[in-house]
Amino acid sequence: MAIMQAEPIRWGSWSARLSAGDTVVTELAVSLWKSRGRFDLEGETFTVEPSGFFLQNATLRRGSSVIARAEKPSLWKRRYHIISAGHRLTLE
C-alpha cells in the first residue's frame, strides 16, 4: 500500500502538494475561503466541495459525476466515513 504525504505549498496557504515517496502525484488547490478545492490527476480535473453544518462533509466530483462522498459523524472525533463506488471506508 502506498502512503501519501501532503505538505503545504507555501506558508499561510491551505493548498497542498500530494506525493508518494519522492514522486509528486498532484497539487490540491484550495480556494481562499476553503469553500472548494480542485486537483488534476492523469489529465482529469477533480473538485472537492464541502457541505453540511460547519462544512464537515465533502463531495468529490469529476466533471458533473460524483466519485465519492465523505461524512464526518462527530465534531469531536477525527473520523470520516467515505463512500465510493459502493464501498465504505472509515478514516481515523
Protein backbone atom coordinates (compact mmCIF):
# COMPACT_ATOMS: atom_id res chain seq x y z
CA MET A 1 0.00 0.00 0.00
CA ALA A 2 1.38 3.41 -0.97
CA ILE A 3 1.49 6.11 1.68
CA MET A 4 0.56 9.59 0.55
CA GLN A 5 2.02 12.69 2.14
CA ALA A 6 0.57 16.18 1.99
CA GLU A 7 2.72 19.23 2.56
CA PRO A 8 1.70 22.88 2.31
CA ILE A 9 2.69 24.58 -0.92
CA ARG A 10 3.55 27.81 0.88
CA TRP A 11 3.13 29.43 4.27
CA GLY A 12 -0.40 30.65 5.01
CA SER A 13 -1.93 28.57 2.22
CA TRP A 14 -4.49 25.77 2.50
CA SER A 15 -3.21 24.29 -0.77
CA ALA A 16 -1.01 21.19 -0.57
CA ARG A 17 1.37 19.11 -2.66
CA LEU A 18 0.50 15.39 -2.53
CA SER A 19 3.33 12.93 -3.01
CA ALA A 20 4.03 9.21 -2.78
CA GLY A 21 7.65 8.70 -1.81
CA ASP A 22 9.74 11.08 -3.95
CA THR A 23 7.07 11.40 -6.66
CA VAL A 24 4.67 14.37 -6.67
CA VAL A 25 1.23 12.98 -7.59
CA THR A 26 -0.72 16.24 -7.77
CA GLU A 27 -1.27 19.62 -6.13
CA LEU A 28 -4.51 20.32 -4.32
CA ALA A 29 -5.53 23.94 -4.86
CA VAL A 30 -7.90 25.15 -2.13
CA SER A 31 -9.80 28.42 -2.56
CA LEU A 32 -9.02 31.34 -0.28
CA TRP A 33 -12.16 30.81 1.81
CA LYS A 34 -11.68 27.00 2.00
CA SER A 35 -15.02 26.56 0.28
CA ARG A 36 -13.74 24.46 -2.61
CA GLY A 37 -10.67 22.57 -3.78
CA ARG A 38 -9.50 21.15 -7.09
CA PHE A 39 -6.74 18.95 -8.43
CA ASP A 40 -5.70 17.34 -11.72
CA LEU A 41 -4.87 13.65 -11.94
CA GLU A 42 -3.97 11.79 -15.12
CA GLY A 43 -5.36 14.59 -17.29
CA GLU A 44 -8.71 14.87 -15.49
CA THR A 45 -9.86 17.65 -13.16
CA PHE A 46 -11.49 16.80 -9.84
CA THR A 47 -13.25 19.16 -7.43
CA VAL A 48 -13.91 18.82 -3.72
CA GLU A 49 -16.88 20.72 -2.31
CA PRO A 50 -17.63 20.85 1.42
CA SER A 51 -21.21 20.84 2.69
CA GLY A 52 -23.22 20.50 5.86
CA PHE A 53 -23.06 22.13 9.25
CA PHE A 54 -19.53 23.50 9.85
CA LEU A 55 -18.66 22.17 6.36
CA GLN A 56 -17.86 18.73 7.84
CA ASN A 57 -18.95 16.70 4.80
CA ALA A 58 -17.46 16.75 1.30
CA THR A 59 -18.25 15.57 -2.21
CA LEU A 60 -15.55 14.61 -4.73
CA ARG A 61 -16.58 15.18 -8.36
CA ARG A 62 -15.05 14.55 -11.77
CA GLY A 63 -16.95 16.93 -14.02
CA SER A 64 -20.60 16.51 -13.04
CA SER A 65 -20.14 12.91 -11.80
CA VAL A 66 -19.95 12.23 -8.06
CA ILE A 67 -16.95 9.99 -7.37
CA ALA A 68 -17.07 9.86 -3.57
CA ARG A 69 -18.69 11.38 -0.51
CA ALA A 70 -17.07 11.88 2.89
CA GLU A 71 -19.08 12.37 6.07
CA LYS A 72 -17.72 13.41 9.47
CA PRO A 73 -20.17 12.00 12.01
CA SER A 74 -18.87 13.96 15.00
CA LEU A 75 -17.28 17.34 15.64
CA TRP A 76 -15.27 15.81 18.46
CA LYS A 77 -13.68 12.82 16.71
CA ARG A 78 -11.15 12.67 13.87
CA ARG A 79 -13.15 10.16 11.86
CA TYR A 80 -14.57 10.23 8.33
CA HIS A 81 -16.85 7.74 6.59
CA ILE A 82 -16.09 7.63 2.86
CA ILE A 83 -18.43 6.09 0.30
CA SER A 84 -17.19 5.47 -3.25
CA ALA A 85 -18.36 3.02 -5.92
CA GLY A 86 -20.48 1.18 -3.37
CA HIS A 87 -17.53 0.71 -0.98
CA ARG A 88 -17.47 2.20 2.52
CA LEU A 89 -14.22 3.16 4.27
CA THR A 90 -13.56 4.72 7.65
CA LEU A 91 -10.56 7.01 8.20
CA GLU A 92 -9.46 7.70 11.76
